[in-house]
Amino acid sequence: AYPADRITYMLQDSAPTAVLAQRTTLGLLTDVSVPLINLD
């Protein structure tokens, strides 16, 4: 898995409309400023 800083950078750089994630990975996305959609 990528470090939290790398995930934050990739999401800021790609500027997604929303992020699809599972419950186990939502904790890594605390600094994300887009809607998070839990797939569980």
PDB file of N, CA and C in Angstrom:
ATOM      1  N   ALA A   1       0.846  -1.188   0.000  1.00  0.00           N
ATOM      2  CA  ALA A   1       0.000   0.000   0.000  1.00  0.00           C
ATOM      3  C   ALA A   1       0.886   1.244   0.000  1.00  0.00           C
ATOM      4  N   TYR A   2       0.352   2.307  -0.521  1.00  0.00           N
ATOM      5  CA  TYR A   2       1.078   3.573  -0.537  1.00  0.00           C
ATOM      6  C   TYR A   2       0.985   4.263   0.823  1.00  0.00           C
ATOM      7  N   PRO A   3       1.998   5.056   1.190  1.00  0.00           N
ATOM      8  CA  PRO A   3       1.907   5.858   2.408  1.00  0.00           C
ATOM      9  C   PRO A   3       0.799   6.914   2.259  1.00  0.00           C
ATOM     10  N   ALA A   4       0.253   7.353   3.381  1.00  0.00           N
ATOM     11  CA  ALA A   4      -0.845   8.321   3.370  1.00  0.00           C
ATOM     12  C   ALA A   4      -0.478   9.599   2.618  1.00  0.00           C
ATOM     13  N   ASP A   5       0.763  10.073   2.761  1.00  0.00           N
ATOM     14  CA  ASP A   5       1.182  11.298   2.063  1.00  0.00           C
ATOM     15  C   ASP A   5       1.130  11.120   0.547  1.00  0.00           C
ATOM     16  N   ARG A   6       1.511   9.952   0.084  1.00  0.00           N
ATOM     17  CA  ARG A   6       1.492   9.666  -1.364  1.00  0.00           C
ATOM     18  C   ARG A   6       0.054   9.609  -1.880  1.00  0.00           C
ATOM     19  N   ILE A   7      -0.828   8.978  -1.132  1.00  0.00           N
ATOM     20  CA  ILE A   7      -2.238   8.906  -1.529  1.00  0.00           C
ATOM     21  C   ILE A   7      -2.835  10.305  -1.604  1.00  0.00           C
ATOM     22  N   THR A   8      -2.551  11.123  -0.597  1.00  0.00           N
ATOM     23  CA  THR A   8      -3.054  12.500  -0.590  1.00  0.00           C
ATOM     24  C   THR A   8      -2.547  13.261  -1.805  1.00  0.00           C
ATOM     25  N   TYR A   9      -1.256  13.133  -2.112  1.00  0.00           N
ATOM     26  CA  TYR A   9      -0.690  13.812  -3.277  1.00  0.00           C
ATOM     27  C   TYR A   9      -1.363  13.353  -4.572  1.00  0.00           C
ATOM     28  N   MET A  10      -1.523  12.047  -4.744  1.00  0.00           N
ATOM     29  CA  MET A  10      -2.126  11.528  -5.980  1.00  0.00           C
ATOM     30  C   MET A  10      -3.561  12.024  -6.147  1.00  0.00           C
ATOM     31  N   LEU A  11      -4.302  12.089  -5.054  1.00  0.00           N
ATOM     32  CA  LEU A  11      -5.684  12.558  -5.150  1.00  0.00           C
ATOM     33  C   LEU A  11      -5.747  14.060  -5.428  1.00  0.00           C
ATOM     34  N   GLN A  12      -4.858  14.834  -4.834  1.00  0.00           N
ATOM     35  CA  GLN A  12      -4.825  16.271  -5.112  1.00  0.00           C
ATOM     36  C   GLN A  12      -4.415  16.529  -6.555  1.00  0.00           C
ATOM     37  N   ASP A  13      -3.459  15.767  -7.047  1.00  0.00           N
ATOM     38  CA  ASP A  13      -2.956  15.949  -8.405  1.00  0.00           C
ATOM     39  C   ASP A  13      -3.982  15.539  -9.457  1.00  0.00           C
ATOM     40  N   SER A  14      -4.744  14.488  -9.192  1.00  0.00           N
ATOM     41  CA  SER A  14      -5.710  14.001 -10.186  1.00  0.00           C
ATOM     42  C   SER A  14      -7.058  14.706 -10.105  1.00  0.00           C
ATOM     43  N   ALA A  15      -7.342  15.368  -8.990  1.00  0.00           N
ATOM     44  CA  ALA A  15      -8.579  16.126  -8.789  1.00  0.00           C
ATOM     45  C   ALA A  15      -9.838  15.327  -9.138  1.00  0.00           C
ATOM     46  N   PRO A  16     -10.063  14.187  -8.466  1.00  0.00           N
ATOM     47  CA  PRO A  16     -11.254  13.388  -8.764  1.00  0.00           C
ATOM     48  C   PRO A  16     -12.523  14.070  -8.261  1.00  0.00           C
ATOM     49  N   THR A  17     -13.651  13.684  -8.818  1.00  0.00           N
ATOM     50  CA  THR A  17     -14.945  14.191  -8.370  1.00  0.00           C
ATOM     51  C   THR A  17     -15.350  13.516  -7.071  1.00  0.00           C
ATOM     52  N   ALA A  18     -15.015  12.247  -6.936  1.00  0.00           N
ATOM     53  CA  ALA A  18     -15.290  11.462  -5.730  1.00  0.00           C
ATOM     54  C   ALA A  18     -14.287  10.318  -5.667  1.00  0.00           C
ATOM     55  N   VAL A  19     -14.196   9.711  -4.499  1.00  0.00           N
ATOM     56  CA  VAL A  19     -13.297   8.574  -4.311  1.00  0.00           C
ATOM     57  C   VAL A  19     -14.121   7.384  -3.836  1.00  0.00           C
ATOM     58  N   LEU A  20     -13.974   6.261  -4.523  1.00  0.00           N
ATOM     59  CA  LEU A  20     -14.612   5.013  -4.123  1.00  0.00           C
ATOM     60  C   LEU A  20     -13.625   4.245  -3.260  1.00  0.00           C
ATOM     61  N   ALA A  21     -14.053   3.822  -2.079  1.00  0.00           N
ATOM     62  CA  ALA A  21     -13.146   3.125  -1.168  1.00  0.00           C
ATOM     63  C   ALA A  21     -13.898   2.090  -0.350  1.00  0.00           C
ATOM     64  N   GLN A  22     -13.140   1.161   0.181  1.00  0.00           N
ATOM     65  CA  GLN A  22     -13.692   0.181   1.109  1.00  0.00           C
ATOM     66  C   GLN A  22     -13.451   0.664   2.532  1.00  0.00           C
ATOM     67  N   ARG A  23     -14.215   0.126   3.453  1.00  0.00           N
ATOM     68  CA  ARG A  23     -14.131   0.538   4.854  1.00  0.00           C
ATOM     69  C   ARG A  23     -12.700   0.444   5.385  1.00  0.00           C
ATOM     70  N   THR A  24     -11.965  -0.572   4.973  1.00  0.00           N
ATOM     71  CA  THR A  24     -10.601  -0.766   5.476  1.00  0.00           C
ATOM     72  C   THR A  24      -9.632   0.307   4.998  1.00  0.00           C
ATOM     73  N   THR A  25      -9.941   0.996   3.926  1.00  0.00           N
ATOM     74  CA  THR A  25      -9.040   2.030   3.406  1.00  0.00           C
ATOM     75  C   THR A  25      -9.524   3.451   3.683  1.00  0.00           C
ATOM     76  N   LEU A  26     -10.722   3.623   4.198  1.00  0.00           N
ATOM     77  CA  LEU A  26     -11.228   4.967   4.472  1.00  0.00           C
ATOM     78  C   LEU A  26     -10.353   5.713   5.475  1.00  0.00           C
ATOM     79  N   GLY A  27      -9.736   4.998   6.405  1.00  0.00           N
ATOM     80  CA  GLY A  27      -8.863   5.628   7.389  1.00  0.00           C
ATOM     81  C   GLY A  27      -7.627   6.267   6.781  1.00  0.00           C
ATOM     82  N   LEU A  28      -7.236   5.841   5.598  1.00  0.00           N
ATOM     83  CA  LEU A  28      -6.076   6.422   4.915  1.00  0.00           C
ATOM     84  C   LEU A  28      -6.425   7.712   4.186  1.00  0.00           C
ATOM     85  N   LEU A  29      -7.705   8.024   4.100  1.00  0.00           N
ATOM     86  CA  LEU A  29      -8.156   9.148   3.285  1.00  0.00           C
ATOM     87  C   LEU A  29      -8.675  10.305   4.132  1.00  0.00           C
ATOM     88  N   THR A  30      -8.029  10.570   5.248  1.00  0.00           N
ATOM     89  CA  THR A  30      -8.507  11.614   6.153  1.00  0.00           C
ATOM     90  C   THR A  30      -8.274  13.022   5.623  1.00  0.00           C
ATOM     91  N   ASP A  31      -7.292  13.221   4.773  1.00  0.00           N
ATOM     92  CA  ASP A  31      -6.970  14.556   4.255  1.00  0.00           C
ATOM     93  C   ASP A  31      -7.559  14.816   2.875  1.00  0.00           C
ATOM     94  N   VAL A  32      -8.528  14.025   2.472  1.00  0.00           N
ATOM     95  CA  VAL A  32      -9.119  14.147   1.142  1.00  0.00           C
ATOM     96  C   VAL A  32     -10.275  15.137   1.197  1.00  0.00           C
ATOM     97  N   SER A  33     -10.311  16.061   0.243  1.00  0.00           N
ATOM     98  CA  SER A  33     -11.353  17.090   0.245  1.00  0.00           C
ATOM     99  C   SER A  33     -12.448  16.826  -0.785  1.00  0.00           C
ATOM    100  N   VAL A  34     -12.612  15.584  -1.187  1.00  0.00           N
ATOM    101  CA  VAL A  34     -13.682  15.204  -2.115  1.00  0.00           C
ATOM    102  C   VAL A  34     -14.570  14.181  -1.418  1.00  0.00           C
ATOM    103  N   PRO A  35     -15.793  13.996  -1.908  1.00  0.00           N
ATOM    104  CA  PRO A  35     -16.672  13.005  -1.282  1.00  0.00           C
ATOM    105  C   PRO A  35     -16.075  11.600  -1.336  1.00  0.00           C
ATOM    106  N   LEU A  36     -16.226  10.884  -0.235  1.00  0.00           N
ATOM    107  CA  LEU A  36     -15.782   9.495  -0.148  1.00  0.00           C
ATOM    108  C   LEU A  36     -17.013   8.601  -0.200  1.00  0.00           C
ATOM    109  N   ILE A  37     -16.999   7.628  -1.078  1.00  0.00           N
ATOM    110  CA  ILE A  37     -18.119   6.706  -1.217  1.00  0.00           C
ATOM    111  C   ILE A  37     -17.661   5.341  -0.725  1.00  0.00           C
ATOM    112  N   ASN A  38     -18.299   4.881   0.349  1.00  0.00           N
ATOM    113  CA  ASN A  38     -17.960   3.598   0.958  1.00  0.00           C
ATOM    114  C   ASN A  38     -18.634   2.484   0.169  1.00  0.00           C
ATOM    115  N   LEU A  39     -17.861   1.557  -0.358  1.00  0.00           N
ATOM    116  CA  LEU A  39     -18.395   0.469  -1.174  1.00  0.00           C
ATOM    117  C   LEU A  39     -18.835  -0.741  -0.359  1.00  0.00           C
ATOM    118  N   ASP A  40     -18.617  -0.734   0.948  1.00  0.00           N
ATOM    119  CA  ASP A  40     -19.030  -1.868   1.787  1.00  0.00           C
ATOM    120  C   ASP A  40     -20.495  -1.772   2.136  1.00  0.00           C
TER     121      ASP A  40
END
